[in-house]
Amino acid sequence: MLASLLVIIFSFSFGVIIGILIFNATLYVVLTRITNNPQLFQMVNAFPRIISNKRNSGFNYE
């Protein structure tokens, strides 16, 4: 129903509509798998704990 309305209103070809539906379904499946398995994209120690321009003297003042 929605695809036929898109074809009529916006003059898209039927192949473009099917292609977009397949792309959206594939993207949905990929994103739900990434959400369910977040350790695939874990970045361990990607950034330093402290970002500073000061010279590191080695002393810890805390």
C-alpha atoms as a PDB file:
ATOM      1  CA  MET A   1       0.000   0.000   0.000  1.00  0.00           C
ATOM      2  CA  LEU A   2       2.690   2.486   1.027  1.00  0.00           C
ATOM      3  CA  ALA A   3       4.938   1.513  -1.888  1.00  0.00           C
ATOM      4  CA  SER A   4       2.114   2.029  -4.390  1.00  0.00           C
ATOM      5  CA  LEU A   5       1.383   5.474  -2.936  1.00  0.00           C
ATOM      6  CA  LEU A   6       5.058   6.404  -3.234  1.00  0.00           C
ATOM      7  CA  VAL A   7       5.103   5.263  -6.859  1.00  0.00           C
ATOM      8  CA  ILE A   8       1.969   7.239  -7.694  1.00  0.00           C
ATOM      9  CA  ILE A   9       2.822  10.445  -5.811  1.00  0.00           C
ATOM     10  CA  PHE A  10       6.561  10.743  -6.419  1.00  0.00           C
ATOM     11  CA  SER A  11       6.905   8.731  -9.662  1.00  0.00           C
ATOM     12  CA  PHE A  12       9.514   6.373  -8.211  1.00  0.00           C
ATOM     13  CA  SER A  13      10.091   3.184 -10.108  1.00  0.00           C
ATOM     14  CA  PHE A  14       9.037  -0.024  -8.412  1.00  0.00           C
ATOM     15  CA  GLY A  15      12.647  -1.276  -8.398  1.00  0.00           C
ATOM     16  CA  VAL A  16      13.802   1.774  -6.445  1.00  0.00           C
ATOM     17  CA  ILE A  17      11.076   1.222  -3.842  1.00  0.00           C
ATOM     18  CA  ILE A  18      12.011  -2.460  -3.450  1.00  0.00           C
ATOM     19  CA  GLY A  19      15.707  -1.565  -3.249  1.00  0.00           C
ATOM     20  CA  ILE A  20      15.096   0.984  -0.496  1.00  0.00           C
ATOM     21  CA  LEU A  21      12.956  -1.494   1.450  1.00  0.00           C
ATOM     22  CA  ILE A  22      15.694  -4.144   1.222  1.00  0.00           C
ATOM     23  CA  PHE A  23      18.340  -1.609   2.264  1.00  0.00           C
ATOM     24  CA  ASN A  24      16.276  -0.503   5.266  1.00  0.00           C
ATOM     25  CA  ALA A  25      15.630  -4.087   6.345  1.00  0.00           C
ATOM     26  CA  THR A  26      19.336  -4.925   6.091  1.00  0.00           C
ATOM     27  CA  LEU A  27      20.307  -1.805   8.027  1.00  0.00           C
ATOM     28  CA  TYR A  28      17.750  -2.663  10.719  1.00  0.00           C
ATOM     29  CA  VAL A  29      19.132  -6.186  11.130  1.00  0.00           C
ATOM     30  CA  VAL A  30      22.747  -4.964  11.288  1.00  0.00           C
ATOM     31  CA  LEU A  31      21.998  -2.241  13.823  1.00  0.00           C
ATOM     32  CA  THR A  32      19.981  -4.555  16.079  1.00  0.00           C
ATOM     33  CA  ARG A  33      22.831  -7.089  16.069  1.00  0.00           C
ATOM     34  CA  ILE A  34      25.326  -4.351  16.968  1.00  0.00           C
ATOM     35  CA  THR A  35      23.011  -3.204  19.774  1.00  0.00           C
ATOM     36  CA  ASN A  36      22.670  -6.738  21.153  1.00  0.00           C
ATOM     37  CA  ASN A  37      26.436  -7.380  20.931  1.00  0.00           C
ATOM     38  CA  PRO A  38      28.161  -4.095  21.852  1.00  0.00           C
ATOM     39  CA  GLN A  39      31.559  -5.669  22.600  1.00  0.00           C
ATOM     40  CA  LEU A  40      32.249  -5.799  18.867  1.00  0.00           C
ATOM     41  CA  PHE A  41      33.042  -2.091  18.932  1.00  0.00           C
ATOM     42  CA  GLN A  42      34.623  -1.747  22.385  1.00  0.00           C
ATOM     43  CA  MET A  43      37.547   0.641  22.328  1.00  0.00           C
ATOM     44  CA  VAL A  44      39.826  -0.070  25.274  1.00  0.00           C
ATOM     45  CA  ASN A  45      42.057   2.846  26.222  1.00  0.00           C
ATOM     46  CA  ALA A  46      41.317   4.739  23.039  1.00  0.00           C
ATOM     47  CA  PHE A  47      41.893   8.067  24.759  1.00  0.00           C
ATOM     48  CA  PRO A  48      44.144   9.081  27.649  1.00  0.00           C
ATOM     49  CA  ARG A  49      42.623   9.663  31.066  1.00  0.00           C
ATOM     50  CA  ILE A  50      43.793  13.284  31.159  1.00  0.00           C
ATOM     51  CA  ILE A  51      44.380  15.546  28.187  1.00  0.00           C
ATOM     52  CA  SER A  52      46.752  18.375  29.036  1.00  0.00           C
ATOM     53  CA  ASN A  53      49.409  20.574  27.427  1.00  0.00           C
ATOM     54  CA  LYS A  54      51.515  20.627  30.590  1.00  0.00           C
ATOM     55  CA  ARG A  55      54.840  18.859  30.635  1.00  0.00           C
ATOM     56  CA  ASN A  56      54.649  15.619  32.613  1.00  0.00           C
ATOM     57  CA  SER A  57      57.155  15.785  35.465  1.00  0.00           C
ATOM     58  CA  GLY A  58      56.314  12.372  36.846  1.00  0.00           C
ATOM     59  CA  PHE A  59      55.117  13.733  40.206  1.00  0.00           C
ATOM     60  CA  ASN A  60      51.592  12.940  41.305  1.00  0.00           C
ATOM     61  CA  TYR A  61      50.124  15.807  43.352  1.00  0.00           C
ATOM     62  CA  GLU A  62      46.826  14.143  44.175  1.00  0.00           C
END
